Amino acid sequence: MAFETGAKEVSTASAQIVGSNTNRKEYEAKNTGDQVIYISGTTSTVANGFPVDPQETFNCNDYTGAWYGIVSTLTSTMDYFEGDD
């Protein structure tokens, strides 16, 4: 199994955290910052994103699309891991 790790600083403008990967089998992300990060599979807003609190982890398997994130104020960091075949 191949895997990739990374980190993305998330701000008040929606940004892609990780791109799509048709081979992705698992995805895990941890909010290592101080602000809630709202994530979604499309351009994120605070209203439509799933909240990931500081120091919380988000897991999703078998979703191959991109993940986007946004914060309501300041910045925060999302560390991620994705694995594929």
C-alpha atoms as a PDB file:
ATOM      1  CA  MET A   1       0.000   0.000   0.000  1.00  0.00           C
ATOM      2  CA  ALA A   2       1.275   3.452  -0.885  1.00  0.00           C
ATOM      3  CA  PHE A   3       0.540   6.416   1.322  1.00  0.00           C
ATOM      4  CA  GLU A   4       1.069  10.153   1.445  1.00  0.00           C
ATOM      5  CA  THR A   5       1.189  12.567   4.349  1.00  0.00           C
ATOM      6  CA  GLY A   6       1.078  16.331   4.415  1.00  0.00           C
ATOM      7  CA  ALA A   7      -0.132  19.459   6.144  1.00  0.00           C
ATOM      8  CA  LYS A   8      -2.181  22.385   4.891  1.00  0.00           C
ATOM      9  CA  GLU A   9      -2.686  25.765   6.540  1.00  0.00           C
ATOM     10  CA  VAL A  10      -6.362  26.674   6.328  1.00  0.00           C
ATOM     11  CA  SER A  11      -7.579  30.277   6.389  1.00  0.00           C
ATOM     12  CA  THR A  12     -10.813  32.236   5.981  1.00  0.00           C
ATOM     13  CA  ALA A  13     -10.798  31.571   2.215  1.00  0.00           C
ATOM     14  CA  SER A  14     -11.828  28.059   1.193  1.00  0.00           C
ATOM     15  CA  ALA A  15      -8.806  26.064   0.035  1.00  0.00           C
ATOM     16  CA  GLN A  16      -8.108  22.546  -1.143  1.00  0.00           C
ATOM     17  CA  ILE A  17      -6.509  20.454   1.601  1.00  0.00           C
ATOM     18  CA  VAL A  18      -5.862  17.418  -0.591  1.00  0.00           C
ATOM     19  CA  GLY A  19      -6.667  16.758  -4.250  1.00  0.00           C
ATOM     20  CA  SER A  20      -8.731  13.944  -5.668  1.00  0.00           C
ATOM     21  CA  ASN A  21      -7.133  10.507  -5.889  1.00  0.00           C
ATOM     22  CA  THR A  22      -9.000   7.727  -7.700  1.00  0.00           C
ATOM     23  CA  ASN A  23      -6.870   5.118  -5.899  1.00  0.00           C
ATOM     24  CA  ARG A  24      -7.528   6.448  -2.373  1.00  0.00           C
ATOM     25  CA  LYS A  25      -8.859   3.839   0.035  1.00  0.00           C
ATOM     26  CA  GLU A  26      -8.488   5.725   3.295  1.00  0.00           C
ATOM     27  CA  TYR A  27      -8.117   9.315   4.446  1.00  0.00           C
ATOM     28  CA  GLU A  28      -7.420  10.628   7.923  1.00  0.00           C
ATOM     29  CA  ALA A  29      -6.911  14.248   8.924  1.00  0.00           C
ATOM     30  CA  LYS A  30      -6.156  15.936  12.245  1.00  0.00           C
ATOM     31  CA  ASN A  31      -6.756  19.575  13.058  1.00  0.00           C
ATOM     32  CA  THR A  32      -3.468  20.469  14.752  1.00  0.00           C
ATOM     33  CA  GLY A  33      -4.305  24.163  15.034  1.00  0.00           C
ATOM     34  CA  ASP A  34      -6.348  26.288  17.437  1.00  0.00           C
ATOM     35  CA  GLN A  35      -9.433  27.039  15.278  1.00  0.00           C
ATOM     36  CA  VAL A  36     -12.332  24.840  14.132  1.00  0.00           C
ATOM     37  CA  ILE A  37     -11.787  23.763  10.497  1.00  0.00           C
ATOM     38  CA  TYR A  38     -14.925  23.201   8.412  1.00  0.00           C
ATOM     39  CA  ILE A  39     -14.318  20.608   5.683  1.00  0.00           C
ATOM     40  CA  SER A  40     -16.321  19.395   2.703  1.00  0.00           C
ATOM     41  CA  GLY A  41     -15.957  17.714  -0.663  1.00  0.00           C
ATOM     42  CA  THR A  42     -16.709  20.987  -2.455  1.00  0.00           C
ATOM     43  CA  THR A  43     -15.730  24.585  -1.820  1.00  0.00           C
ATOM     44  CA  SER A  44     -16.211  24.916   1.939  1.00  0.00           C
ATOM     45  CA  THR A  45     -18.115  27.495   3.884  1.00  0.00           C
ATOM     46  CA  VAL A  46     -18.633  27.682   7.612  1.00  0.00           C
ATOM     47  CA  ALA A  47     -22.311  26.887   6.929  1.00  0.00           C
ATOM     48  CA  ASN A  48     -21.839  23.771   4.743  1.00  0.00           C
ATOM     49  CA  GLY A  49     -18.630  22.303   6.153  1.00  0.00           C
ATOM     50  CA  PHE A  50     -18.264  19.511   8.683  1.00  0.00           C
ATOM     51  CA  PRO A  51     -16.631  20.952  11.824  1.00  0.00           C
ATOM     52  CA  VAL A  52     -13.342  19.420  12.959  1.00  0.00           C
ATOM     53  CA  ASP A  53     -12.451  20.873  16.351  1.00  0.00           C
ATOM     54  CA  PRO A  54      -8.842  21.606  17.371  1.00  0.00           C
ATOM     55  CA  GLN A  55      -6.931  18.358  18.027  1.00  0.00           C
ATOM     56  CA  GLU A  56      -9.820  16.266  16.609  1.00  0.00           C
ATOM     57  CA  THR A  57      -9.336  13.645  13.903  1.00  0.00           C
ATOM     58  CA  PHE A  58     -11.559  13.068  10.855  1.00  0.00           C
ATOM     59  CA  ASN A  59     -11.601   9.694   9.048  1.00  0.00           C
ATOM     60  CA  CYS A  60     -13.186   8.814   5.720  1.00  0.00           C
ATOM     61  CA  ASN A  61     -12.758   5.683   3.636  1.00  0.00           C
ATOM     62  CA  ASP A  62     -13.521   5.136  -0.050  1.00  0.00           C
ATOM     63  CA  TYR A  63     -14.054   8.816  -0.946  1.00  0.00           C
ATOM     64  CA  THR A  64     -11.788   9.686  -3.872  1.00  0.00           C
ATOM     65  CA  GLY A  65     -12.643  13.363  -4.358  1.00  0.00           C
ATOM     66  CA  ALA A  66     -10.818  16.439  -3.110  1.00  0.00           C
ATOM     67  CA  TRP A  67     -11.221  17.792   0.432  1.00  0.00           C
ATOM     68  CA  TYR A  68     -11.578  21.533   1.082  1.00  0.00           C
ATOM     69  CA  GLY A  69     -11.405  23.502   4.320  1.00  0.00           C
ATOM     70  CA  ILE A  70     -12.098  26.921   5.788  1.00  0.00           C
ATOM     71  CA  VAL A  71     -11.978  28.569   9.242  1.00  0.00           C
ATOM     72  CA  SER A  72     -14.169  31.393  10.503  1.00  0.00           C
ATOM     73  CA  THR A  73     -11.253  33.447  11.837  1.00  0.00           C
ATOM     74  CA  LEU A  74      -7.439  33.406  11.840  1.00  0.00           C
ATOM     75  CA  THR A  75      -5.814  30.173  10.538  1.00  0.00           C
ATOM     76  CA  SER A  76      -5.462  26.546  11.546  1.00  0.00           C
ATOM     77  CA  THR A  77      -3.515  23.554  10.219  1.00  0.00           C
ATOM     78  CA  MET A  78      -4.845  20.240   8.951  1.00  0.00           C
ATOM     79  CA  ASP A  79      -2.366  17.346   8.914  1.00  0.00           C
ATOM     80  CA  TYR A  80      -3.456  14.455   6.700  1.00  0.00           C
ATOM     81  CA  PHE A  81      -2.691  10.895   5.716  1.00  0.00           C
ATOM     82  CA  GLU A  82      -4.094   9.076   2.688  1.00  0.00           C
ATOM     83  CA  GLY A  83      -3.513   5.509   1.568  1.00  0.00           C
ATOM     84  CA  ASP A  84      -4.233   3.697  -1.656  1.00  0.00           C
ATOM     85  CA  ASP A  85      -3.571   0.353  -3.338  1.00  0.00           C
END
